[in-house]
Amino acid sequence: MTTPNPSGNGKRGYQKQGLTQTKQTIRDRTAVALTGKQQRFVEEYLVDLNATQATTRAGYSKATAYSIGHECLKKPEIAAAITRAQAERSE
């Protein structure tokens, strides 16, 4: 996020907000609840770490399984859920 430049130095533009606020925003986005299919994808992905197979087992279309699997892995909330589940299993 950016805010107007309050420095009064005559320069136009914006300055970046602090890193702490950015990290908090990322945490807020990853706290979003997953849909039923997304949660099932996470569970199935942990079986064999194959996104295409996990999407079909989670109930997505076989015709689009490859692209949907790729999209699911790119979503921050799904990636965070996978990371959390892997950390829990390694303990």
C-alpha atoms as a PDB file:
ATOM      1  CA  MET A   1       0.000   0.000   0.000  1.00  0.00           C
ATOM      2  CA  THR A   2       1.106   3.531  -0.519  1.00  0.00           C
ATOM      3  CA  THR A   3       0.322   6.854   1.094  1.00  0.00           C
ATOM      4  CA  PRO A   4       0.769  10.409  -0.171  1.00  0.00           C
ATOM      5  CA  ASN A   5       4.264  11.773   0.381  1.00  0.00           C
ATOM      6  CA  PRO A   6       4.002  13.959   3.528  1.00  0.00           C
ATOM      7  CA  SER A   7       7.619  15.087   3.489  1.00  0.00           C
ATOM      8  CA  GLY A   8       6.785  18.488   2.024  1.00  0.00           C
ATOM      9  CA  ASN A   9       9.918  18.403  -0.130  1.00  0.00           C
ATOM     10  CA  GLY A  10       7.965  19.456  -3.207  1.00  0.00           C
ATOM     11  CA  LYS A  11       8.221  16.034  -4.829  1.00  0.00           C
ATOM     12  CA  ARG A  12       5.084  14.423  -6.048  1.00  0.00           C
ATOM     13  CA  GLY A  13       4.496  10.792  -5.432  1.00  0.00           C
ATOM     14  CA  TYR A  14       3.933   8.244  -2.792  1.00  0.00           C
ATOM     15  CA  GLN A  15       5.949   6.429  -0.211  1.00  0.00           C
ATOM     16  CA  LYS A  16       5.607   2.831   0.851  1.00  0.00           C
ATOM     17  CA  GLN A  17       4.075   2.052   4.188  1.00  0.00           C
ATOM     18  CA  GLY A  18       5.998   0.119   6.794  1.00  0.00           C
ATOM     19  CA  LEU A  19       6.901  -3.533   6.392  1.00  0.00           C
ATOM     20  CA  THR A  20       5.001  -4.449   9.550  1.00  0.00           C
ATOM     21  CA  GLN A  21       1.737  -3.268   8.049  1.00  0.00           C
ATOM     22  CA  THR A  22       2.474  -5.185   4.841  1.00  0.00           C
ATOM     23  CA  LYS A  23       3.105  -8.397   6.787  1.00  0.00           C
ATOM     24  CA  GLN A  24      -0.150  -7.896   8.687  1.00  0.00           C
ATOM     25  CA  THR A  25      -2.035  -7.481   5.413  1.00  0.00           C
ATOM     26  CA  ILE A  26      -0.576 -10.756   4.141  1.00  0.00           C
ATOM     27  CA  ARG A  27      -1.613 -12.489   7.360  1.00  0.00           C
ATOM     28  CA  ASP A  28      -5.133 -11.093   7.004  1.00  0.00           C
ATOM     29  CA  ARG A  29      -5.412 -12.438   3.472  1.00  0.00           C
ATOM     30  CA  THR A  30      -4.207 -15.896   4.508  1.00  0.00           C
ATOM     31  CA  ALA A  31      -6.751 -16.006   7.345  1.00  0.00           C
ATOM     32  CA  VAL A  32      -9.561 -16.216   4.779  1.00  0.00           C
ATOM     33  CA  ALA A  33     -11.589 -19.399   5.141  1.00  0.00           C
ATOM     34  CA  LEU A  34     -11.222 -21.915   2.342  1.00  0.00           C
ATOM     35  CA  THR A  35     -14.175 -23.240   0.394  1.00  0.00           C
ATOM     36  CA  GLY A  36     -15.065 -26.897   0.742  1.00  0.00           C
ATOM     37  CA  LYS A  37     -13.343 -27.821  -2.516  1.00  0.00           C
ATOM     38  CA  GLN A  38     -10.251 -25.807  -1.611  1.00  0.00           C
ATOM     39  CA  GLN A  39      -9.973 -27.520   1.771  1.00  0.00           C
ATOM     40  CA  ARG A  40     -10.408 -30.894   0.093  1.00  0.00           C
ATOM     41  CA  PHE A  41      -7.715 -29.901  -2.434  1.00  0.00           C
ATOM     42  CA  VAL A  42      -5.309 -29.171   0.429  1.00  0.00           C
ATOM     43  CA  GLU A  43      -6.033 -32.551   2.034  1.00  0.00           C
ATOM     44  CA  GLU A  44      -5.679 -34.422  -1.258  1.00  0.00           C
ATOM     45  CA  TYR A  45      -2.546 -32.501  -2.269  1.00  0.00           C
ATOM     46  CA  LEU A  46      -0.814 -33.670   0.901  1.00  0.00           C
ATOM     47  CA  VAL A  47      -1.378 -37.303  -0.116  1.00  0.00           C
ATOM     48  CA  ASP A  48       1.024 -37.298  -3.057  1.00  0.00           C
ATOM     49  CA  LEU A  49       1.968 -33.631  -3.714  1.00  0.00           C
ATOM     50  CA  ASN A  50       0.393 -33.865  -7.176  1.00  0.00           C
ATOM     51  CA  ALA A  51      -1.835 -30.862  -7.865  1.00  0.00           C
ATOM     52  CA  THR A  52      -3.541 -32.359 -10.932  1.00  0.00           C
ATOM     53  CA  GLN A  53      -4.530 -35.545  -9.115  1.00  0.00           C
ATOM     54  CA  ALA A  54      -5.560 -33.570  -6.028  1.00  0.00           C
ATOM     55  CA  THR A  55      -7.946 -31.394  -8.059  1.00  0.00           C
ATOM     56  CA  THR A  56      -9.728 -34.385  -9.580  1.00  0.00           C
ATOM     57  CA  ARG A  57     -10.012 -36.117  -6.198  1.00  0.00           C
ATOM     58  CA  ALA A  58     -11.316 -32.871  -4.690  1.00  0.00           C
ATOM     59  CA  GLY A  59     -14.155 -32.775  -7.201  1.00  0.00           C
ATOM     60  CA  TYR A  60     -12.915 -30.383  -9.868  1.00  0.00           C
ATOM     61  CA  SER A  61     -13.347 -31.185 -13.562  1.00  0.00           C
ATOM     62  CA  LYS A  62     -10.832 -33.627 -15.049  1.00  0.00           C
ATOM     63  CA  ALA A  63     -10.710 -31.522 -18.227  1.00  0.00           C
ATOM     64  CA  THR A  64      -9.354 -28.501 -16.343  1.00  0.00           C
ATOM     65  CA  ALA A  65      -7.539 -30.283 -13.502  1.00  0.00           C
ATOM     66  CA  TYR A  66      -4.046 -29.232 -14.595  1.00  0.00           C
ATOM     67  CA  SER A  67      -4.807 -25.504 -14.805  1.00  0.00           C
ATOM     68  CA  ILE A  68      -7.013 -25.427 -11.706  1.00  0.00           C
ATOM     69  CA  GLY A  69      -4.344 -27.269  -9.729  1.00  0.00           C
ATOM     70  CA  HIS A  70      -1.806 -24.671 -10.770  1.00  0.00           C
ATOM     71  CA  GLU A  71      -4.174 -21.840  -9.844  1.00  0.00           C
ATOM     72  CA  CYS A  72      -4.888 -23.395  -6.453  1.00  0.00           C
ATOM     73  CA  LEU A  73      -1.198 -23.624  -5.613  1.00  0.00           C
ATOM     74  CA  LYS A  74      -0.738 -19.939  -6.495  1.00  0.00           C
ATOM     75  CA  LYS A  75      -3.519 -18.725  -4.183  1.00  0.00           C
ATOM     76  CA  PRO A  76      -1.935 -17.418  -0.962  1.00  0.00           C
ATOM     77  CA  GLU A  77      -4.628 -18.798   1.324  1.00  0.00           C
ATOM     78  CA  ILE A  78      -4.298 -22.307  -0.123  1.00  0.00           C
ATOM     79  CA  ALA A  79      -0.487 -22.166  -0.086  1.00  0.00           C
ATOM     80  CA  ALA A  80      -0.604 -21.084   3.566  1.00  0.00           C
ATOM     81  CA  ALA A  81      -2.965 -23.935   4.440  1.00  0.00           C
ATOM     82  CA  ILE A  82      -0.646 -26.440   2.751  1.00  0.00           C
ATOM     83  CA  THR A  83       2.368 -25.027   4.591  1.00  0.00           C
ATOM     84  CA  ARG A  84       0.547 -25.166   7.939  1.00  0.00           C
ATOM     85  CA  ALA A  85      -0.590 -28.747   7.343  1.00  0.00           C
ATOM     86  CA  GLN A  86       2.918 -29.844   6.361  1.00  0.00           C
ATOM     87  CA  ALA A  87       4.365 -28.187   9.483  1.00  0.00           C
ATOM     88  CA  GLU A  88       1.790 -29.944  11.674  1.00  0.00           C
ATOM     89  CA  ARG A  89       2.614 -33.306  10.101  1.00  0.00           C
ATOM     90  CA  SER A  90       6.352 -32.847  10.583  1.00  0.00           C
ATOM     91  CA  GLU A  91       6.022 -32.271  14.335  1.00  0.00           C
END
